[in-house]
Amino acid sequence: MVFEHRNFKNGAILTSREAAFYLNVHINTVRRWHDRGLIPAYRIGPRGDRRFRQEELERFLVEQPVLVEHELIAPGRK
């Protein structure tokens, strides 16, 4: 599925796919980050689909540690 540029409104609730598009990462990365507790999400429905608040994704972008070769490295650490 190809996404066109989408303007997310303040307070938007995003699916996993939309969150991946917003963060410019693969959908499995978004799921993994949620499973590791790096980004909060809400589970809905019987399948437990994830929903992400745009504000929390923005906060993650500002506060995230540096991602290097798929490993999380704390800021200031080599």
N, C-alpha and C. Protein backbone atom coordinates (compact mmCIF):
# COMPACT_ATOMS: atom_id res chain seq x y z
N MET A 1 0.84 -1.18 0.00
CA MET A 1 0.00 0.00 0.00
C MET A 1 0.89 1.23 0.00
N VAL A 2 0.61 2.16 -0.88
CA VAL A 2 1.38 3.39 -0.98
C VAL A 2 0.60 4.51 -0.34
N PHE A 3 1.26 5.28 0.53
CA PHE A 3 0.63 6.41 1.17
C PHE A 3 1.01 7.69 0.45
N GLU A 4 0.05 8.53 0.24
CA GLU A 4 0.35 9.87 -0.21
C GLU A 4 0.74 10.68 1.02
N HIS A 5 1.33 11.85 0.78
CA HIS A 5 1.65 12.71 1.91
C HIS A 5 0.35 12.98 2.67
N ARG A 6 0.37 12.77 3.95
CA ARG A 6 -0.83 12.96 4.76
C ARG A 6 -0.54 13.97 5.84
N ASN A 7 -1.42 14.92 5.98
CA ASN A 7 -1.30 15.89 7.06
C ASN A 7 -2.05 15.34 8.26
N PHE A 8 -1.32 14.99 9.29
CA PHE A 8 -1.95 14.49 10.50
C PHE A 8 -2.36 15.69 11.34
N LYS A 9 -3.59 15.68 11.80
CA LYS A 9 -4.09 16.78 12.62
C LYS A 9 -3.61 16.59 14.06
N ASN A 10 -3.49 17.71 14.78
CA ASN A 10 -3.13 17.62 16.19
C ASN A 10 -4.15 16.75 16.91
N GLY A 11 -3.66 15.87 17.74
CA GLY A 11 -4.53 14.98 18.48
C GLY A 11 -4.95 13.75 17.71
N ALA A 12 -4.32 13.52 16.57
CA ALA A 12 -4.70 12.38 15.73
C ALA A 12 -4.35 11.07 16.42
N ILE A 13 -5.18 10.07 16.18
CA ILE A 13 -4.94 8.71 16.63
C ILE A 13 -4.54 7.93 15.38
N LEU A 14 -3.36 7.29 15.42
CA LEU A 14 -2.82 6.63 14.24
C LEU A 14 -2.78 5.12 14.41
N THR A 15 -2.98 4.41 13.32
CA THR A 15 -2.79 2.96 13.29
C THR A 15 -1.29 2.67 13.29
N SER A 16 -0.93 1.42 13.41
CA SER A 16 0.48 1.04 13.35
C SER A 16 1.09 1.44 12.02
N ARG A 17 0.36 1.22 10.94
CA ARG A 17 0.85 1.57 9.60
C ARG A 17 1.05 3.08 9.46
N GLU A 18 0.09 3.85 9.96
CA GLU A 18 0.21 5.30 9.90
C GLU A 18 1.35 5.80 10.78
N ALA A 19 1.52 5.17 11.96
CA ALA A 19 2.62 5.55 12.85
C ALA A 19 3.96 5.26 12.18
N ALA A 20 4.07 4.14 11.49
CA ALA A 20 5.30 3.80 10.77
C ALA A 20 5.58 4.84 9.69
N PHE A 21 4.56 5.23 8.96
CA PHE A 21 4.70 6.26 7.92
C PHE A 21 5.14 7.58 8.56
N TYR A 22 4.50 7.94 9.66
CA TYR A 22 4.80 9.19 10.36
C TYR A 22 6.24 9.22 10.86
N LEU A 23 6.72 8.08 11.37
CA LEU A 23 8.08 7.98 11.93
C LEU A 23 9.12 7.61 10.87
N ASN A 24 8.65 7.28 9.66
CA ASN A 24 9.53 6.90 8.56
C ASN A 24 10.34 5.64 8.88
N VAL A 25 9.64 4.65 9.44
CA VAL A 25 10.25 3.36 9.74
C VAL A 25 9.29 2.26 9.28
N HIS A 26 9.75 1.02 9.29
CA HIS A 26 8.92 -0.12 8.93
C HIS A 26 7.89 -0.37 10.03
N ILE A 27 6.74 -0.89 9.65
CA ILE A 27 5.68 -1.17 10.62
C ILE A 27 6.15 -2.12 11.72
N ASN A 28 7.01 -3.08 11.38
CA ASN A 28 7.52 -4.00 12.41
C ASN A 28 8.40 -3.28 13.42
N THR A 29 9.07 -2.23 13.00
CA THR A 29 9.87 -1.42 13.93
C THR A 29 8.97 -0.73 14.93
N VAL A 30 7.86 -0.19 14.47
CA VAL A 30 6.89 0.46 15.38
C VAL A 30 6.37 -0.56 16.38
N ARG A 31 6.02 -1.74 15.92
CA ARG A 31 5.53 -2.78 16.83
C ARG A 31 6.61 -3.17 17.85
N ARG A 32 7.85 -3.32 17.38
CA ARG A 32 8.94 -3.70 18.27
C ARG A 32 9.19 -2.62 19.32
N TRP A 33 9.20 -1.34 18.88
CA TRP A 33 9.41 -0.24 19.83
C TRP A 33 8.30 -0.21 20.88
N HIS A 34 7.08 -0.49 20.46
CA HIS A 34 5.99 -0.53 21.43
C HIS A 34 6.18 -1.70 22.39
N ASP A 35 6.51 -2.87 21.87
CA ASP A 35 6.72 -4.04 22.72
C ASP A 35 7.85 -3.81 23.73
N ARG A 36 8.85 -3.02 23.36
CA ARG A 36 9.97 -2.71 24.26
C ARG A 36 9.66 -1.55 25.20
N GLY A 37 8.49 -0.94 25.03
CA GLY A 37 8.09 0.15 25.91
C GLY A 37 8.66 1.51 25.51
N LEU A 38 9.17 1.62 24.30
CA LEU A 38 9.76 2.88 23.86
C LEU A 38 8.71 3.89 23.41
N ILE A 39 7.61 3.41 22.87
CA ILE A 39 6.51 4.29 22.51
C ILE A 39 5.21 3.70 23.04
N PRO A 40 4.38 4.52 23.66
CA PRO A 40 3.12 4.02 24.20
C PRO A 40 2.09 3.83 23.09
N ALA A 41 1.22 2.88 23.29
CA ALA A 41 0.12 2.63 22.37
C ALA A 41 -1.06 2.10 23.17
N TYR A 42 -2.20 2.15 22.55
CA TYR A 42 -3.42 1.65 23.16
C TYR A 42 -3.88 0.46 22.33
N ARG A 43 -4.32 -0.59 23.01
CA ARG A 43 -4.80 -1.79 22.32
C ARG A 43 -6.32 -1.70 22.23
N ILE A 44 -6.84 -1.98 21.04
CA ILE A 44 -8.29 -1.92 20.85
C ILE A 44 -8.76 -3.20 20.17
N GLY A 45 -10.02 -3.52 20.36
CA GLY A 45 -10.65 -4.64 19.68
C GLY A 45 -10.16 -5.99 20.14
N PRO A 46 -10.82 -7.03 19.67
CA PRO A 46 -10.46 -8.39 20.09
C PRO A 46 -9.08 -8.83 19.60
N ARG A 47 -8.60 -8.23 18.50
CA ARG A 47 -7.27 -8.60 17.98
C ARG A 47 -6.15 -7.85 18.70
N GLY A 48 -6.51 -6.83 19.47
CA GLY A 48 -5.49 -6.06 20.18
C GLY A 48 -4.72 -5.13 19.26
N ASP A 49 -5.39 -4.60 18.23
CA ASP A 49 -4.73 -3.65 17.33
C ASP A 49 -4.21 -2.45 18.12
N ARG A 50 -3.07 -1.94 17.69
CA ARG A 50 -2.45 -0.80 18.36
C ARG A 50 -2.94 0.51 17.76
N ARG A 51 -3.06 1.51 18.63
CA ARG A 51 -3.33 2.88 18.19
C ARG A 51 -2.36 3.79 18.93
N PHE A 52 -1.83 4.75 18.19
CA PHE A 52 -0.81 5.65 18.72
C PHE A 52 -1.31 7.09 18.66
N ARG A 53 -1.03 7.84 19.71
CA ARG A 53 -1.37 9.27 19.71
C ARG A 53 -0.23 10.04 19.06
N GLN A 54 -0.57 10.93 18.17
CA GLN A 54 0.44 11.71 17.45
C GLN A 54 1.35 12.46 18.42
N GLU A 55 0.80 13.04 19.47
CA GLU A 55 1.62 13.80 20.42
C GLU A 55 2.70 12.92 21.05
N GLU A 56 2.36 11.67 21.34
CA GLU A 56 3.34 10.77 21.95
C GLU A 56 4.42 10.37 20.96
N LEU A 57 4.06 10.25 19.69
CA LEU A 57 5.08 9.98 18.67
C LEU A 57 6.01 11.17 18.49
N GLU A 58 5.45 12.37 18.54
CA GLU A 58 6.28 13.58 18.45
C GLU A 58 7.25 13.65 19.63
N ARG A 59 6.76 13.33 20.82
CA ARG A 59 7.61 13.33 22.01
C ARG A 59 8.73 12.31 21.85
N PHE A 60 8.40 11.15 21.31
CA PHE A 60 9.41 10.11 21.08
C PHE A 60 10.49 10.62 20.13
N LEU A 61 10.09 11.30 19.06
CA LEU A 61 11.07 11.83 18.10
C LEU A 61 12.04 12.80 18.75
N VAL A 62 11.55 13.59 19.69
CA VAL A 62 12.39 14.57 20.37
C VAL A 62 13.30 13.92 21.42
N GLU A 63 12.77 12.95 22.14
CA GLU A 63 13.47 12.38 23.29
C GLU A 63 14.19 11.07 23.00
N GLN A 64 14.07 10.54 21.80
CA GLN A 64 14.60 9.20 21.52
C GLN A 64 16.12 9.13 21.66
N PRO A 65 16.62 7.99 22.07
CA PRO A 65 18.06 7.76 22.01
C PRO A 65 18.49 7.60 20.55
N VAL A 66 19.77 7.67 20.31
CA VAL A 66 20.29 7.51 18.95
C VAL A 66 20.16 6.04 18.54
N LEU A 67 19.63 5.82 17.35
CA LEU A 67 19.50 4.46 16.84
C LEU A 67 20.64 4.18 15.88
N VAL A 68 21.48 3.19 16.21
CA VAL A 68 22.63 2.86 15.38
C VAL A 68 22.61 1.37 15.11
N GLU A 69 22.59 1.01 13.84
CA GLU A 69 22.62 -0.40 13.42
C GLU A 69 21.66 -1.26 14.22
N HIS A 70 20.42 -0.79 14.36
CA HIS A 70 19.34 -1.51 15.01
C HIS A 70 19.57 -1.75 16.50
N GLU A 71 20.53 -1.07 17.08
CA GLU A 71 20.75 -1.18 18.52
C GLU A 71 20.45 0.16 19.16
N LEU A 72 19.87 0.13 20.33
CA LEU A 72 19.59 1.38 21.03
C LEU A 72 20.81 1.74 21.86
N ILE A 73 21.27 2.96 21.67
CA ILE A 73 22.42 3.46 22.41
C ILE A 73 21.99 4.73 23.13
N ALA A 74 22.22 4.78 24.43
CA ALA A 74 21.84 5.96 25.20
C ALA A 74 22.60 7.19 24.69
N PRO A 75 21.95 8.36 24.74
CA PRO A 75 22.62 9.59 24.30
C PRO A 75 23.93 9.80 25.06
N GLY A 76 24.98 10.22 24.35
CA GLY A 76 26.26 10.48 24.97
C GLY A 76 27.11 9.25 25.18
N ARG A 77 26.63 8.10 24.78
CA ARG A 77 27.36 6.84 24.98
C ARG A 77 27.88 6.32 23.65
N LYS A 78 29.09 5.81 23.63
CA LYS A 78 29.66 5.27 22.39
C LYS A 78 29.77 3.77 22.44
